[in-house]
Amino acid sequence: MPRYFFHVFNGDGFTPDEEGIDLEDQASAQRMALDSIRSMISEEARKGVLDLDGYIDIVDGGAQSLRKIPFPEAFVLRLPGPRSD
């Protein structure tokens, strides 16, 4: 199984993934990155912060960047619209 690394770039700077994880394929790595983004943002939201200015860089075992996933891509954002109350 290939090993994937998930480097995080956000308001805290750069956090390298030095261990990585073995996953079946790149689609599995993308799902894991989306889950990781959702987890990080949920922790921030509990503190009253919602900072979507960041991304995860999925890197393969040969240090080649495969895909950058921007934080907003992990969410469907619904904002309140005008109400007819």
C-alpha atoms as a PDB file:
ATOM      1  CA  MET A   1       0.000   0.000   0.000  1.00  0.00           C
ATOM      2  CA  PRO A   2       1.279   3.481  -0.790  1.00  0.00           C
ATOM      3  CA  ARG A   3       2.114   5.908   2.008  1.00  0.00           C
ATOM      4  CA  TYR A   4       0.600   9.395   1.990  1.00  0.00           C
ATOM      5  CA  PHE A   5       1.580  12.468   3.989  1.00  0.00           C
ATOM      6  CA  PHE A   6      -0.781  15.306   4.897  1.00  0.00           C
ATOM      7  CA  HIS A   7       1.045  18.619   5.334  1.00  0.00           C
ATOM      8  CA  VAL A   8      -1.108  21.375   6.827  1.00  0.00           C
ATOM      9  CA  PHE A   9      -0.804  25.042   5.872  1.00  0.00           C
ATOM     10  CA  ASN A  10      -3.006  27.433   7.879  1.00  0.00           C
ATOM     11  CA  GLY A  11      -3.033  30.479  10.139  1.00  0.00           C
ATOM     12  CA  ASP A  12      -0.681  28.681  12.526  1.00  0.00           C
ATOM     13  CA  GLY A  13       1.882  28.242   9.743  1.00  0.00           C
ATOM     14  CA  PHE A  14       3.153  24.968   8.315  1.00  0.00           C
ATOM     15  CA  THR A  15       2.729  21.639  10.116  1.00  0.00           C
ATOM     16  CA  PRO A  16       4.511  18.797   8.346  1.00  0.00           C
ATOM     17  CA  ASP A  17       3.247  15.240   8.562  1.00  0.00           C
ATOM     18  CA  GLU A  18       6.412  13.312   9.291  1.00  0.00           C
ATOM     19  CA  GLU A  19       4.808   9.886   9.755  1.00  0.00           C
ATOM     20  CA  GLY A  20       2.244   9.559   6.986  1.00  0.00           C
ATOM     21  CA  ILE A  21      -0.224   6.720   6.679  1.00  0.00           C
ATOM     22  CA  ASP A  22      -0.625   3.762   4.344  1.00  0.00           C
ATOM     23  CA  LEU A  23      -3.825   3.976   2.319  1.00  0.00           C
ATOM     24  CA  GLU A  24      -5.216   2.047  -0.627  1.00  0.00           C
ATOM     25  CA  ASP A  25      -5.210   4.865  -3.158  1.00  0.00           C
ATOM     26  CA  GLN A  26      -5.282   8.591  -3.771  1.00  0.00           C
ATOM     27  CA  ALA A  27      -9.079   8.719  -3.424  1.00  0.00           C
ATOM     28  CA  SER A  28      -8.713   7.332   0.115  1.00  0.00           C
ATOM     29  CA  ALA A  29      -6.069   9.974   0.826  1.00  0.00           C
ATOM     30  CA  GLN A  30      -8.408  12.730  -0.370  1.00  0.00           C
ATOM     31  CA  ARG A  31     -11.201  11.461   1.882  1.00  0.00           C
ATOM     32  CA  MET A  32      -8.800  11.405   4.832  1.00  0.00           C
ATOM     33  CA  ALA A  33      -7.676  14.975   4.086  1.00  0.00           C
ATOM     34  CA  LEU A  34     -11.294  16.180   3.998  1.00  0.00           C
ATOM     35  CA  ASP A  35     -12.021  14.429   7.315  1.00  0.00           C
ATOM     36  CA  SER A  36      -8.885  15.988   8.830  1.00  0.00           C
ATOM     37  CA  ILE A  37      -9.905  19.468   7.703  1.00  0.00           C
ATOM     38  CA  ARG A  38     -13.383  19.012   9.189  1.00  0.00           C
ATOM     39  CA  SER A  39     -11.894  17.849  12.474  1.00  0.00           C
ATOM     40  CA  MET A  40      -9.457  20.782  12.712  1.00  0.00           C
ATOM     41  CA  ILE A  41     -12.135  23.343  11.890  1.00  0.00           C
ATOM     42  CA  SER A  42     -14.607  21.833  14.361  1.00  0.00           C
ATOM     43  CA  GLU A  43     -12.028  22.243  17.144  1.00  0.00           C
ATOM     44  CA  GLU A  44     -11.523  25.885  16.161  1.00  0.00           C
ATOM     45  CA  ALA A  45     -15.277  26.476  15.935  1.00  0.00           C
ATOM     46  CA  ARG A  46     -15.634  25.376  19.576  1.00  0.00           C
ATOM     47  CA  LYS A  47     -13.315  28.255  20.430  1.00  0.00           C
ATOM     48  CA  GLY A  48     -15.410  30.667  18.363  1.00  0.00           C
ATOM     49  CA  VAL A  49     -13.044  30.786  15.391  1.00  0.00           C
ATOM     50  CA  LEU A  50     -13.832  29.802  11.818  1.00  0.00           C
ATOM     51  CA  ASP A  51     -10.679  30.251   9.744  1.00  0.00           C
ATOM     52  CA  LEU A  52     -10.943  28.571   6.343  1.00  0.00           C
ATOM     53  CA  ASP A  53      -7.752  30.147   5.014  1.00  0.00           C
ATOM     54  CA  GLY A  54      -5.615  27.039   4.720  1.00  0.00           C
ATOM     55  CA  TYR A  55      -5.109  23.788   2.879  1.00  0.00           C
ATOM     56  CA  ILE A  56      -3.745  20.282   3.184  1.00  0.00           C
ATOM     57  CA  ASP A  57      -1.078  19.199   0.731  1.00  0.00           C
ATOM     58  CA  ILE A  58      -1.307  15.458   0.043  1.00  0.00           C
ATOM     59  CA  VAL A  59       2.185  14.171  -0.696  1.00  0.00           C
ATOM     60  CA  ASP A  60       3.232  10.686  -1.764  1.00  0.00           C
ATOM     61  CA  GLY A  61       6.141   8.639  -0.425  1.00  0.00           C
ATOM     62  CA  GLY A  62       8.435  10.161  -3.044  1.00  0.00           C
ATOM     63  CA  ALA A  63       7.736  13.676  -1.708  1.00  0.00           C
ATOM     64  CA  GLN A  64       5.644  14.587  -4.772  1.00  0.00           C
ATOM     65  CA  SER A  65       2.646  16.823  -4.119  1.00  0.00           C
ATOM     66  CA  LEU A  66      -0.448  15.051  -5.441  1.00  0.00           C
ATOM     67  CA  ARG A  67      -3.202  17.493  -4.539  1.00  0.00           C
ATOM     68  CA  LYS A  68      -3.763  20.559  -2.420  1.00  0.00           C
ATOM     69  CA  ILE A  69      -7.173  20.604  -0.780  1.00  0.00           C
ATOM     70  CA  PRO A  70      -8.283  24.078   0.355  1.00  0.00           C
ATOM     71  CA  PHE A  71     -10.186  24.080   3.647  1.00  0.00           C
ATOM     72  CA  PRO A  72     -13.418  25.475   2.104  1.00  0.00           C
ATOM     73  CA  GLU A  73     -13.594  22.423  -0.167  1.00  0.00           C
ATOM     74  CA  ALA A  74     -14.409  20.287   2.890  1.00  0.00           C
ATOM     75  CA  PHE A  75     -17.697  22.093   3.550  1.00  0.00           C
ATOM     76  CA  VAL A  76     -21.012  23.128   2.131  1.00  0.00           C
ATOM     77  CA  LEU A  77     -21.510  26.632   3.506  1.00  0.00           C
ATOM     78  CA  ARG A  78     -25.073  27.818   3.963  1.00  0.00           C
ATOM     79  CA  LEU A  79     -25.444  31.413   5.058  1.00  0.00           C
ATOM     80  CA  PRO A  80     -28.724  32.877   6.266  1.00  0.00           C
ATOM     81  CA  GLY A  81     -30.675  34.634   3.579  1.00  0.00           C
ATOM     82  CA  PRO A  82     -33.365  37.257   3.859  1.00  0.00           C
ATOM     83  CA  ARG A  83     -36.311  36.148   5.934  1.00  0.00           C
ATOM     84  CA  SER A  84     -39.892  36.906   5.184  1.00  0.00           C
ATOM     85  CA  ASP A  85     -40.944  37.066   8.868  1.00  0.00           C
END
